[in-house]
Amino acid sequence: MLRRETPLAVGHGFCVFLDAEGRLLTCGYNNELIHAVGPAADPNALFEIVLPTLVPSMQARRIVSVAAGERHCLALSREGEVYSWGDGTDGSLGHADGGERAVPSRIESLS
C-alpha cells in the first residue's frame, strides 16, 4: 500500500521528519532558520544538530507530511494547515511579506 504522507524530507545539509506520533523533528548541519529553534542572533550562523530534535513551536501540532527545499521547509498538519519556515527568497515560504521565518508560520492564503 502506498502512503500519501511524506514522513521525511531532505534539504541542503538537513532533514525534517515526523516521528510515529506526528511530531515534527529536525537534524543536520544548516542554520537556525531551518531548525526553527527561535529567533537567531545571527540567522546565517551555521551549526549542527546531531540528534533528532523536536521543533519547539510545533510540539502541540500533529503533522502528516513534510517537504524541504534547499533552505526552507513546509509541514502539513492533520487539520489541513500548511506551515513554512526558513529562507523566504523568491516567495518560497508562501507568505505575503516574502521574508525569512525563524519558526514555522501558518500560510494564511491556504486557510
PDB file of N, CA and C in Angstrom:
ATOM      1  N   MET A   1       0.830  -1.171   0.000  1.00  0.00           N
ATOM      2  CA  MET A   1       0.000   0.000   0.000  1.00  0.00           C
ATOM      3  C   MET A   1       0.883   1.246   0.000  1.00  0.00           C
ATOM      4  N   LEU A   2       0.581   2.195  -0.843  1.00  0.00           N
ATOM      5  CA  LEU A   2       1.346   3.427  -0.972  1.00  0.00           C
ATOM      6  C   LEU A   2       0.836   4.461   0.023  1.00  0.00           C
ATOM      7  N   ARG A   3       1.742   5.004   0.823  1.00  0.00           N
ATOM      8  CA  ARG A   3       1.375   6.076   1.757  1.00  0.00           C
ATOM      9  C   ARG A   3       1.341   7.387   1.010  1.00  0.00           C
ATOM     10  N   ARG A   4       0.353   8.186   1.247  1.00  0.00           N
ATOM     11  CA  ARG A   4       0.275   9.510   0.631  1.00  0.00           C
ATOM     12  C   ARG A   4       1.090  10.529   1.404  1.00  0.00           C
ATOM     13  N   GLU A   5       1.268  10.310   2.687  1.00  0.00           N
ATOM     14  CA  GLU A   5       2.013  11.240   3.524  1.00  0.00           C
ATOM     15  C   GLU A   5       3.506  11.072   3.278  1.00  0.00           C
ATOM     16  N   THR A   6       4.246  12.150   3.492  1.00  0.00           N
ATOM     17  CA  THR A   6       5.692  12.110   3.393  1.00  0.00           C
ATOM     18  C   THR A   6       6.265  12.342   4.783  1.00  0.00           C
ATOM     19  N   PRO A   7       6.848  11.295   5.408  1.00  0.00           N
ATOM     20  CA  PRO A   7       7.337  11.451   6.781  1.00  0.00           C
ATOM     21  C   PRO A   7       8.768  12.000   6.870  1.00  0.00           C
ATOM     22  N   LEU A   8       9.433  12.229   5.723  1.00  0.00           N
ATOM     23  CA  LEU A   8      10.825  12.666   5.729  1.00  0.00           C
ATOM     24  C   LEU A   8      11.080  13.551   4.520  1.00  0.00           C
ATOM     25  N   ALA A   9      11.838  14.629   4.728  1.00  0.00           N
ATOM     26  CA  ALA A   9      12.270  15.483   3.624  1.00  0.00           C
ATOM     27  C   ALA A   9      13.706  15.902   3.890  1.00  0.00           C
ATOM     28  N   VAL A  10      14.473  16.033   2.827  1.00  0.00           N
ATOM     29  CA  VAL A  10      15.885  16.364   2.944  1.00  0.00           C
ATOM     30  C   VAL A  10      16.170  17.651   2.184  1.00  0.00           C
ATOM     31  N   GLY A  11      16.799  18.591   2.866  1.00  0.00           N
ATOM     32  CA  GLY A  11      17.219  19.838   2.244  1.00  0.00           C
ATOM     33  C   GLY A  11      18.724  19.826   2.072  1.00  0.00           C
ATOM     34  N   HIS A  12      19.312  20.989   1.995  1.00  0.00           N
ATOM     35  CA  HIS A  12      20.761  21.106   1.825  1.00  0.00           C
ATOM     36  C   HIS A  12      21.453  20.969   3.183  1.00  0.00           C
ATOM     37  N   GLY A  13      21.833  19.756   3.543  1.00  0.00           N
ATOM     38  CA  GLY A  13      22.539  19.504   4.792  1.00  0.00           C
ATOM     39  C   GLY A  13      21.661  19.285   6.003  1.00  0.00           C
ATOM     40  N   PHE A  14      20.367  19.128   5.825  1.00  0.00           N
ATOM     41  CA  PHE A  14      19.484  18.926   6.966  1.00  0.00           C
ATOM     42  C   PHE A  14      18.336  18.001   6.581  1.00  0.00           C
ATOM     43  N   CYS A  15      17.676  17.450   7.602  1.00  0.00           N
ATOM     44  CA  CYS A  15      16.480  16.629   7.423  1.00  0.00           C
ATOM     45  C   CYS A  15      15.371  17.184   8.305  1.00  0.00           C
ATOM     46  N   VAL A  16      14.162  17.068   7.829  1.00  0.00           N
ATOM     47  CA  VAL A  16      12.976  17.380   8.619  1.00  0.00           C
ATOM     48  C   VAL A  16      12.082  16.153   8.489  1.00  0.00           C
ATOM     49  N   PHE A  17      11.575  15.664   9.603  1.00  0.00           N
ATOM     50  CA  PHE A  17      10.824  14.415   9.552  1.00  0.00           C
ATOM     51  C   PHE A  17       9.844  14.315  10.704  1.00  0.00           C
ATOM     52  N   LEU A  18       9.044  13.261  10.655  1.00  0.00           N
ATOM     53  CA  LEU A  18       8.000  13.030  11.647  1.00  0.00           C
ATOM     54  C   LEU A  18       8.303  11.774  12.432  1.00  0.00           C
ATOM     55  N   ASP A  19       7.936  11.784  13.706  1.00  0.00           N
ATOM     56  CA  ASP A  19       8.011  10.543  14.468  1.00  0.00           C
ATOM     57  C   ASP A  19       6.670   9.815  14.324  1.00  0.00           C
ATOM     58  N   ALA A  20       6.523   8.690  14.978  1.00  0.00           N
ATOM     59  CA  ALA A  20       5.320   7.862  14.849  1.00  0.00           C
ATOM     60  C   ALA A  20       4.056   8.571  15.338  1.00  0.00           C
ATOM     61  N   GLU A  21       4.217   9.576  16.191  1.00  0.00           N
ATOM     62  CA  GLU A  21       3.074  10.317  16.724  1.00  0.00           C
ATOM     63  C   GLU A  21       2.750  11.579  15.930  1.00  0.00           C
ATOM     64  N   GLY A  22       3.517  11.847  14.863  1.00  0.00           N
ATOM     65  CA  GLY A  22       3.274  13.031  14.054  1.00  0.00           C
ATOM     66  C   GLY A  22       3.929  14.288  14.580  1.00  0.00           C
ATOM     67  N   ARG A  23       4.924  14.132  15.449  1.00  0.00           N
ATOM     68  CA  ARG A  23       5.663  15.300  15.929  1.00  0.00           C
ATOM     69  C   ARG A  23       6.764  15.640  14.934  1.00  0.00           C
ATOM     70  N   LEU A  24       7.036  16.929  14.772  1.00  0.00           N
ATOM     71  CA  LEU A  24       7.997  17.432  13.803  1.00  0.00           C
ATOM     72  C   LEU A  24       9.385  17.529  14.423  1.00  0.00           C
ATOM     73  N   LEU A  25      10.394  16.967  13.725  1.00  0.00           N
ATOM     74  CA  LEU A  25      11.773  16.988  14.195  1.00  0.00           C
ATOM     75  C   LEU A  25      12.709  17.444  13.077  1.00  0.00           C
ATOM     76  N   THR A  26      13.880  17.971  13.467  1.00  0.00           N
ATOM     77  CA  THR A  26      14.921  18.306  12.503  1.00  0.00           C
ATOM     78  C   THR A  26      16.258  17.810  13.029  1.00  0.00           C
ATOM     79  N   CYS A  27      17.205  17.656  12.117  1.00  0.00           N
ATOM     80  CA  CYS A  27      18.593  17.398  12.469  1.00  0.00           C
ATOM     81  C   CYS A  27      19.450  17.721  11.256  1.00  0.00           C
ATOM     82  N   GLY A  28      20.734  17.845  11.493  1.00  0.00           N
ATOM     83  CA  GLY A  28      21.660  18.092  10.400  1.00  0.00           C
ATOM     84  C   GLY A  28      22.466  19.346  10.588  1.00  0.00           C
ATOM     85  N   TYR A  29      23.132  19.709   9.506  1.00  0.00           N
ATOM     86  CA  TYR A  29      24.029  20.859   9.513  1.00  0.00           C
ATOM     87  C   TYR A  29      23.423  21.935   8.631  1.00  0.00           C
ATOM     88  N   ASN A  30      23.000  23.013   9.229  1.00  0.00           N
ATOM     89  CA  ASN A  30      22.469  24.136   8.466  1.00  0.00           C
ATOM     90  C   ASN A  30      22.377  25.327   9.392  1.00  0.00           C
ATOM     91  N   ASN A  31      21.409  26.192   9.190  1.00  0.00           N
ATOM     92  CA  ASN A  31      21.346  27.380  10.030  1.00  0.00           C
ATOM     93  C   ASN A  31      20.126  27.365  10.939  1.00  0.00           C
ATOM     94  N   GLU A  32      20.025  28.346  11.802  1.00  0.00           N
ATOM     95  CA  GLU A  32      18.952  28.390  12.793  1.00  0.00           C
ATOM     96  C   GLU A  32      17.579  28.575  12.178  1.00  0.00           C
ATOM     97  N   LEU A  33      17.508  29.126  10.970  1.00  0.00           N
ATOM     98  CA  LEU A  33      16.208  29.268  10.322  1.00  0.00           C
ATOM     99  C   LEU A  33      15.602  27.911  10.012  1.00  0.00           C
ATOM    100  N   ILE A  34      16.401  26.964   9.599  1.00  0.00           N
ATOM    101  CA  ILE A  34      15.899  25.636   9.253  1.00  0.00           C
ATOM    102  C   ILE A  34      15.480  24.868  10.506  1.00  0.00           C
ATOM    103  N   HIS A  35      16.265  24.938  11.556  1.00  0.00           N
ATOM    104  CA  HIS A  35      15.984  24.139  12.749  1.00  0.00           C
ATOM    105  C   HIS A  35      14.936  24.764  13.649  1.00  0.00           C
ATOM    106  N   ALA A  36      14.490  25.956  13.322  1.00  0.00           N
ATOM    107  CA  ALA A  36      13.355  26.596  13.988  1.00  0.00           C
ATOM    108  C   ALA A  36      13.482  26.581  15.508  1.00  0.00           C
ATOM    109  N   VAL A  37      14.667  26.908  15.987  1.00  0.00           N
ATOM    110  CA  VAL A  37      14.881  26.921  17.432  1.00  0.00           C
ATOM    111  C   VAL A  37      14.550  28.272  18.034  1.00  0.00           C
ATOM    112  N   GLY A  38      14.063  29.191  17.234  1.00  0.00           N
ATOM    113  CA  GLY A  38      13.676  30.506  17.722  1.00  0.00           C
ATOM    114  C   GLY A  38      14.447  31.585  17.000  1.00  0.00           C
ATOM    115  N   PRO A  39      14.111  32.833  17.274  1.00  0.00           N
ATOM    116  CA  PRO A  39      14.813  33.935  16.613  1.00  0.00           C
ATOM    117  C   PRO A  39      16.313  33.848  16.846  1.00  0.00           C
ATOM    118  N   ALA A  40      17.061  33.917  15.784  1.00  0.00           N
ATOM    119  CA  ALA A  40      18.507  33.755  15.862  1.00  0.00           C
ATOM    120  C   ALA A  40      19.202  35.103  16.020  1.00  0.00           C
ATOM    121  N   ALA A  41      20.268  35.117  16.810  1.00  0.00           N
ATOM    122  CA  ALA A  41      21.094  36.314  16.886  1.00  0.00           C
ATOM    123  C   ALA A  41      21.722  36.561  15.517  1.00  0.00           C
ATOM    124  N   ASP A  42      22.148  35.514  14.862  1.00  0.00           N
ATOM    125  CA  ASP A  42      22.688  35.581  13.511  1.00  0.00           C
ATOM    126  C   ASP A  42      22.054  34.448  12.710  1.00  0.00           C
ATOM    127  N   PRO A  43      20.991  34.727  11.930  1.00  0.00           N
ATOM    128  CA  PRO A  43      20.284  33.663  11.221  1.00  0.00           C
ATOM    129  C   PRO A  43      21.127  32.950  10.167  1.00  0.00           C
ATOM    130  N   ASN A  44      22.284  33.515   9.830  1.00  0.00           N
ATOM    131  CA  ASN A  44      23.161  32.861   8.851  1.00  0.00           C
ATOM    132  C   ASN A  44      24.245  32.024   9.508  1.00  0.00           C
ATOM    133  N   ALA A  45      24.289  32.006  10.841  1.00  0.00           N
ATOM    134  CA  ALA A  45      25.288  31.217  11.553  1.00  0.00           C
ATOM    135  C   ALA A  45      25.020  29.735  11.343  1.00  0.00           C
ATOM    136  N   LEU A  46      26.034  29.018  10.931  1.00  0.00           N
ATOM    137  CA  LEU A  46      25.890  27.582  10.714  1.00  0.00           C
ATOM    138  C   LEU A  46      26.175  26.829  11.999  1.00  0.00           C
ATOM    139  N   PHE A  47      25.444  25.759  12.219  1.00  0.00           N
ATOM    140  CA  PHE A  47      25.684  24.890  13.357  1.00  0.00           C
ATOM    141  C   PHE A  47      25.107  23.525  13.035  1.00  0.00           C
ATOM    142  N   GLU A  48      25.357  22.572  13.903  1.00  0.00           N
ATOM    143  CA  GLU A  48      24.916  21.207  13.658  1.00  0.00           C
ATOM    144  C   GLU A  48      24.052  20.709  14.800  1.00  0.00           C
ATOM    145  N   ILE A  49      22.936  20.080  14.462  1.00  0.00           N
ATOM    146  CA  ILE A  49      22.111  19.376  15.430  1.00  0.00           C
ATOM    147  C   ILE A  49      22.292  17.893  15.104  1.00  0.00           C
ATOM    148  N   VAL A  50      23.000  17.200  15.968  1.00  0.00           N
ATOM    149  CA  VAL A  50      23.379  15.814  15.698  1.00  0.00           C
ATOM    150  C   VAL A  50      22.210  14.858  15.897  1.00  0.00           C
ATOM    151  N   LEU A  51      21.464  15.027  16.964  1.00  0.00           N
ATOM    152  CA  LEU A  51      20.352  14.132  17.261  1.00  0.00           C
ATOM    153  C   LEU A  51      19.036  14.750  16.796  1.00  0.00           C
ATOM    154  N   PRO A  52      18.073  13.935  16.379  1.00  0.00           N
ATOM    155  CA  PRO A  52      16.758  14.465  16.012  1.00  0.00           C
ATOM    156  C   PRO A  52      16.197  15.300  17.161  1.00  0.00           C
ATOM    157  N   THR A  53      15.731  16.497  16.838  1.00  0.00           N
ATOM    158  CA  THR A  53      15.277  17.450  17.840  1.00  0.00           C
ATOM    159  C   THR A  53      13.883  17.956  17.484  1.00  0.00           C
ATOM    160  N   LEU A  54      12.983  17.924  18.458  1.00  0.00           N
ATOM    161  CA  LEU A  54      11.632  18.441  18.242  1.00  0.00           C
ATOM    162  C   LEU A  54      11.677  19.935  17.924  1.00  0.00           C
ATOM    163  N   VAL A  55      10.823  20.358  17.016  1.00  0.00           N
ATOM    164  CA  VAL A  55      10.676  21.784  16.718  1.00  0.00           C
ATOM    165  C   VAL A  55       9.783  22.359  17.816  1.00  0.00           C
ATOM    166  N   PRO A  56      10.331  23.210  18.685  1.00  0.00           N
ATOM    167  CA  PRO A  56       9.604  23.659  19.874  1.00  0.00           C
ATOM    168  C   PRO A  56       8.226  24.256  19.598  1.00  0.00           C
ATOM    169  N   SER A  57       8.112  25.116  18.607  1.00  0.00           N
ATOM    170  CA  SER A  57       6.840  25.798  18.362  1.00  0.00           C
ATOM    171  C   SER A  57       5.772  24.896  17.758  1.00  0.00           C
ATOM    172  N   MET A  58       6.137  23.672  17.375  1.00  0.00           N
ATOM    173  CA  MET A  58       5.178  22.770  16.736  1.00  0.00           C
ATOM    174  C   MET A  58       4.829  21.569  17.604  1.00  0.00           C
ATOM    175  N   GLN A  59       5.243  21.553  18.863  1.00  0.00           N
ATOM    176  CA  GLN A  59       5.025  20.391  19.725  1.00  0.00           C
ATOM    177  C   GLN A  59       3.556  20.069  19.939  1.00  0.00           C
ATOM    178  N   ALA A  60       2.684  21.059  19.921  1.00  0.00           N
ATOM    179  CA  ALA A  60       1.248  20.817  20.146  1.00  0.00           C
ATOM    180  C   ALA A  60       0.526  20.378  18.880  1.00  0.00           C
ATOM    181  N   ARG A  61       1.185  20.485  17.717  1.00  0.00           N
ATOM    182  CA  ARG A  61       0.567  20.139  16.442  1.00  0.00           C
ATOM    183  C   ARG A  61       0.956  18.726  16.020  1.00  0.00           C
ATOM    184  N   ARG A  62       0.067  18.063  15.312  1.00  0.00           N
ATOM    185  CA  ARG A  62       0.387  16.767  14.724  1.00  0.00           C
ATOM    186  C   ARG A  62       0.474  16.975  13.220  1.00  0.00           C
ATOM    187  N   ILE A  63       1.590  16.551  12.668  1.00  0.00           N
ATOM    188  CA  ILE A  63       1.919  16.787  11.268  1.00  0.00           C
ATOM    189  C   ILE A  63       1.777  15.481  10.497  1.00  0.00           C
ATOM    190  N   VAL A  64       1.293  15.569   9.258  1.00  0.00           N
ATOM    191  CA  VAL A  64       1.109  14.359   8.441  1.00  0.00           C
ATOM    192  C   VAL A  64       2.062  14.300   7.249  1.00  0.00           C
ATOM    193  N   SER A  65       2.652  15.439   6.862  1.00  0.00           N
ATOM    194  CA  SER A  65       3.545  15.437   5.703  1.00  0.00           C
ATOM    195  C   SER A  65       4.516  16.608   5.804  1.00  0.00           C
ATOM    196  N   VAL A  66       5.725  16.409   5.274  1.00  0.00           N
ATOM    197  CA  VAL A  66       6.739  17.459   5.250  1.00  0.00           C
ATOM    198  C   VAL A  66       7.379  17.541   3.874  1.00  0.00           C
ATOM    199  N   ALA A  67       7.936  18.709   3.571  1.00  0.00           N
ATOM    200  CA  ALA A  67       8.689  18.919   2.332  1.00  0.00           C
ATOM    201  C   ALA A  67       9.815  19.889   2.655  1.00  0.00           C
ATOM    202  N   ALA A  68      10.887  19.844   1.867  1.00  0.00           N
ATOM    203  CA  ALA A  68      12.021  20.732   2.104  1.00  0.00           C
ATOM    204  C   ALA A  68      12.612  21.191   0.786  1.00  0.00           C
ATOM    205  N   GLY A  69      13.098  22.420   0.808  1.00  0.00           N
ATOM    206  CA  GLY A  69      13.885  22.954  -0.296  1.00  0.00           C
ATOM    207  C   GLY A  69      15.306  23.089   0.191  1.00  0.00           C
ATOM    208  N   GLU A  70      16.095  23.836  -0.519  1.00  0.00           N
ATOM    209  CA  GLU A  70      17.488  23.994  -0.105  1.00  0.00           C
ATOM    210  C   GLU A  70      17.602  24.651   1.261  1.00  0.00           C
ATOM    211  N   ARG A  71      16.797  25.703   1.504  1.00  0.00           N
ATOM    212  CA  ARG A  71      16.876  26.438   2.774  1.00  0.00           C
ATOM    213  C   ARG A  71      15.503  26.766   3.342  1.00  0.00           C
ATOM    214  N   HIS A  72      14.512  25.936   3.046  1.00  0.00           N
ATOM    215  CA  HIS A  72      13.187  26.166   3.628  1.00  0.00           C
ATOM    216  C   HIS A  72      12.449  24.842   3.788  1.00  0.00           C
ATOM    217  N   CYS A  73      11.422  24.857   4.650  1.00  0.00           N
ATOM    218  CA  CYS A  73      10.644  23.651   4.948  1.00  0.00           C
ATOM    219  C   CYS A  73       9.156  23.970   4.946  1.00  0.00           C
ATOM    220  N   LEU A  74       8.363  22.927   4.710  1.00  0.00           N
ATOM    221  CA  LEU A  74       6.911  23.009   4.776  1.00  0.00           C
ATOM    222  C   LEU A  74       6.399  21.831   5.580  1.00  0.00           C
ATOM    223  N   ALA A  75       5.321  22.044   6.314  1.00  0.00           N
ATOM    224  CA  ALA A  75       4.697  20.974   7.086  1.00  0.00           C
ATOM    225  C   ALA A  75       3.185  21.091   6.952  1.00  0.00           C
ATOM    226  N   LEU A  76       2.518  19.968   6.772  1.00  0.00           N
ATOM    227  CA  LEU A  76       1.057  19.907   6.664  1.00  0.00           C
ATOM    228  C   LEU A  76       0.511  19.257   7.924  1.00  0.00           C
ATOM    229  N   SER A  77      -0.381  19.963   8.617  1.00  0.00           N
ATOM    230  CA  SER A  77      -0.951  19.432   9.859  1.00  0.00           C
ATOM    231  C   SER A  77      -2.142  18.523   9.567  1.00  0.00           C
ATOM    232  N   ARG A  78      -2.549  17.744  10.572  1.00  0.00           N
ATOM    233  CA  ARG A  78      -3.742  16.885  10.450  1.00  0.00           C
ATOM    234  C   ARG A  78      -4.984  17.698  10.125  1.00  0.00           C
ATOM    235  N   GLU A  79      -4.996  18.942  10.574  1.00  0.00           N
ATOM    236  CA  GLU A  79      -6.150  19.817  10.350  1.00  0.00           C
ATOM    237  C   GLU A  79      -6.131  20.478   8.974  1.00  0.00           C
ATOM    238  N   GLY A  80      -5.100  20.201   8.177  1.00  0.00           N
ATOM    239  CA  GLY A  80      -5.011  20.775   6.836  1.00  0.00           C
ATOM    240  C   GLY A  80      -4.316  22.120   6.762  1.00  0.00           C
ATOM    241  N   GLU A  81      -3.679  22.542   7.856  1.00  0.00           N
ATOM    242  CA  GLU A  81      -2.940  23.804   7.848  1.00  0.00           C
ATOM    243  C   GLU A  81      -1.533  23.556   7.316  1.00  0.00           C
ATOM    244  N   VAL A  82      -1.031  24.512   6.518  1.00  0.00           N
ATOM    245  CA  VAL A  82       0.319  24.406   5.973  1.00  0.00           C
ATOM    246  C   VAL A  82       1.196  25.442   6.666  1.00  0.00           C
ATOM    247  N   TYR A  83       2.332  24.987   7.178  1.00  0.00           N
ATOM    248  CA  TYR A  83       3.297  25.839   7.858  1.00  0.00           C
ATOM    249  C   TYR A  83       4.578  25.874   7.036  1.00  0.00           C
ATOM    250  N   SER A  84       5.253  27.028   7.045  1.00  0.00           N
ATOM    251  CA  SER A  84       6.535  27.134   6.349  1.00  0.00           C
ATOM    252  C   SER A  84       7.511  27.924   7.208  1.00  0.00           C
ATOM    253  N   TRP A  85       8.812  27.679   6.982  1.00  0.00           N
ATOM    254  CA  TRP A  85       9.851  28.426   7.685  1.00  0.00           C
ATOM    255  C   TRP A  85      11.160  28.254   6.947  1.00  0.00           C
ATOM    256  N   GLY A  86      12.085  29.177   7.243  1.00  0.00           N
ATOM    257  CA  GLY A  86      13.392  29.182   6.597  1.00  0.00           C
ATOM    258  C   GLY A  86      13.601  30.443   5.775  1.00  0.00           C
ATOM    259  N   ASP A  87      14.313  30.300   4.671  1.00  0.00           N
ATOM    260  CA  ASP A  87      14.638  31.408   3.780  1.00  0.00           C
ATOM    261  C   ASP A  87      13.469  31.654   2.831  1.00  0.00           C
ATOM    262  N   GLY A  88      12.939  32.866   2.837  1.00  0.00           N
ATOM    263  CA  GLY A  88      11.773  33.190   2.021  1.00  0.00           C
ATOM    264  C   GLY A  88      12.092  33.795   0.666  1.00  0.00           C
ATOM    265  N   THR A  89      13.327  33.659   0.199  1.00  0.00           N
ATOM    266  CA  THR A  89      13.714  34.224  -1.091  1.00  0.00           C
ATOM    267  C   THR A  89      12.768  33.770  -2.193  1.00  0.00           C
ATOM    268  N   ASP A  90      12.397  34.704  -3.058  1.00  0.00           N
ATOM    269  CA  ASP A  90      11.530  34.433  -4.203  1.00  0.00           C
ATOM    270  C   ASP A  90      10.165  33.883  -3.804  1.00  0.00           C
ATOM    271  N   GLY A  91       9.703  34.205  -2.606  1.00  0.00           N
ATOM    272  CA  GLY A  91       8.375  33.776  -2.172  1.00  0.00           C
ATOM    273  C   GLY A  91       8.273  32.309  -1.827  1.00  0.00           C
ATOM    274  N   SER A  92       9.394  31.648  -1.571  1.00  0.00           N
ATOM    275  CA  SER A  92       9.387  30.198  -1.330  1.00  0.00           C
ATOM    276  C   SER A  92       8.580  29.768  -0.115  1.00  0.00           C
ATOM    277  N   LEU A  93       8.296  30.693   0.812  1.00  0.00           N
ATOM    278  CA  LEU A  93       7.533  30.333   2.009  1.00  0.00           C
ATOM    279  C   LEU A  93       6.036  30.544   1.851  1.00  0.00           C
ATOM    280  N   GLY A  94       5.629  31.289   0.831  1.00  0.00           N
ATOM    281  CA  GLY A  94       4.209  31.495   0.594  1.00  0.00           C
ATOM    282  C   GLY A  94       3.554  32.576   1.431  1.00  0.00           C
ATOM    283  N   HIS A  95       4.353  33.395   2.130  1.00  0.00           N
ATOM    284  CA  HIS A  95       3.814  34.484   2.932  1.00  0.00           C
ATOM    285  C   HIS A  95       3.898  35.781   2.133  1.00  0.00           C
ATOM    286  N   ALA A  96       2.974  36.670   2.364  1.00  0.00           N
ATOM    287  CA  ALA A  96       2.896  37.914   1.594  1.00  0.00           C
ATOM    288  C   ALA A  96       4.141  38.783   1.724  1.00  0.00           C
ATOM    289  N   ASP A  97       4.821  38.714   2.877  1.00  0.00           N
ATOM    290  CA  ASP A  97       5.973  39.596   3.083  1.00  0.00           C
ATOM    291  C   ASP A  97       7.245  39.116   2.391  1.00  0.00           C
ATOM    292  N   GLY A  98       7.296  37.849   1.986  1.00  0.00           N
ATOM    293  CA  GLY A  98       8.468  37.317   1.285  1.00  0.00           C
ATOM    294  C   GLY A  98       9.724  37.227   2.123  1.00  0.00           C
ATOM    295  N   GLY A  99       9.603  37.398   3.441  1.00  0.00           N
ATOM    296  CA  GLY A  99      10.779  37.393   4.307  1.00  0.00           C
ATOM    297  C   GLY A  99      11.098  36.034   4.898  1.00  0.00           C
ATOM    298  N   GLU A 100      12.137  36.019   5.713  1.00  0.00           N
ATOM    299  CA  GLU A 100      12.554  34.809   6.420  1.00  0.00           C
ATOM    300  C   GLU A 100      11.626  34.550   7.600  1.00  0.00           C
ATOM    301  N   ARG A 101      11.536  33.301   7.988  1.00  0.00           N
ATOM    302  CA  ARG A 101      10.783  32.907   9.185  1.00  0.00           C
ATOM    303  C   ARG A 101      11.668  31.970   9.995  1.00  0.00           C
ATOM    304  N   ALA A 102      11.932  32.341  11.246  1.00  0.00           N
ATOM    305  CA  ALA A 102      12.764  31.510  12.113  1.00  0.00           C
ATOM    306  C   ALA A 102      11.977  30.394  12.772  1.00  0.00           C
ATOM    307  N   VAL A 103      10.658  30.519  12.808  1.00  0.00           N
ATOM    308  CA  VAL A 103       9.802  29.473  13.353  1.00  0.00           C
ATOM    309  C   VAL A 103       8.683  29.195  12.349  1.00  0.00           C
ATOM    310  N   PRO A 104       8.149  27.983  12.343  1.00  0.00           N
ATOM    311  CA  PRO A 104       7.061  27.670  11.410  1.00  0.00           C
ATOM    312  C   PRO A 104       5.893  28.633  11.579  1.00  0.00           C
ATOM    313  N   SER A 105       5.399  29.135  10.447  1.00  0.00           N
ATOM    314  CA  SER A 105       4.264  30.054  10.426  1.00  0.00           C
ATOM    315  C   SER A 105       3.220  29.527   9.478  1.00  0.00           C
ATOM    316  N   ARG A 106       1.954  29.589   9.894  1.00  0.00           N
ATOM    317  CA  ARG A 106       0.865  29.111   9.051  1.00  0.00           C
ATOM    318  C   ARG A 106       0.748  30.011   7.836  1.00  0.00           C
ATOM    319  N   ILE A 107       0.592  29.403   6.668  1.00  0.00           N
ATOM    320  CA  ILE A 107       0.418  30.154   5.432  1.00  0.00           C
ATOM    321  C   ILE A 107      -1.051  30.539   5.346  1.00  0.00           C
ATOM    322  N   GLU A 108      -1.333  31.815   5.602  1.00  0.00           N
ATOM    323  CA  GLU A 108      -2.718  32.294   5.696  1.00  0.00           C
ATOM    324  C   GLU A 108      -3.479  32.140   4.392  1.00  0.00           C
ATOM    325  N   SER A 109      -2.826  32.318   3.248  1.00  0.00           N
ATOM    326  CA  SER A 109      -3.533  32.246   1.959  1.00  0.00           C
ATOM    327  C   SER A 109      -4.029  30.834   1.651  1.00  0.00           C
ATOM    328  N   LEU A 110      -3.568  29.840   2.389  1.00  0.00           N
ATOM    329  CA  LEU A 110      -4.021  28.458   2.176  1.00  0.00           C
ATOM    330  C   LEU A 110      -5.070  28.029   3.203  1.00  0.00           C
ATOM    331  N   SER A 111      -5.516  28.963   4.038  1.00  0.00           N
ATOM    332  CA  SER A 111      -6.510  28.634   5.066  1.00  0.00           C
ATOM    333  C   SER A 111      -7.852  28.325   4.433  1.00  0.00           C
TER     334      SER A 111
END
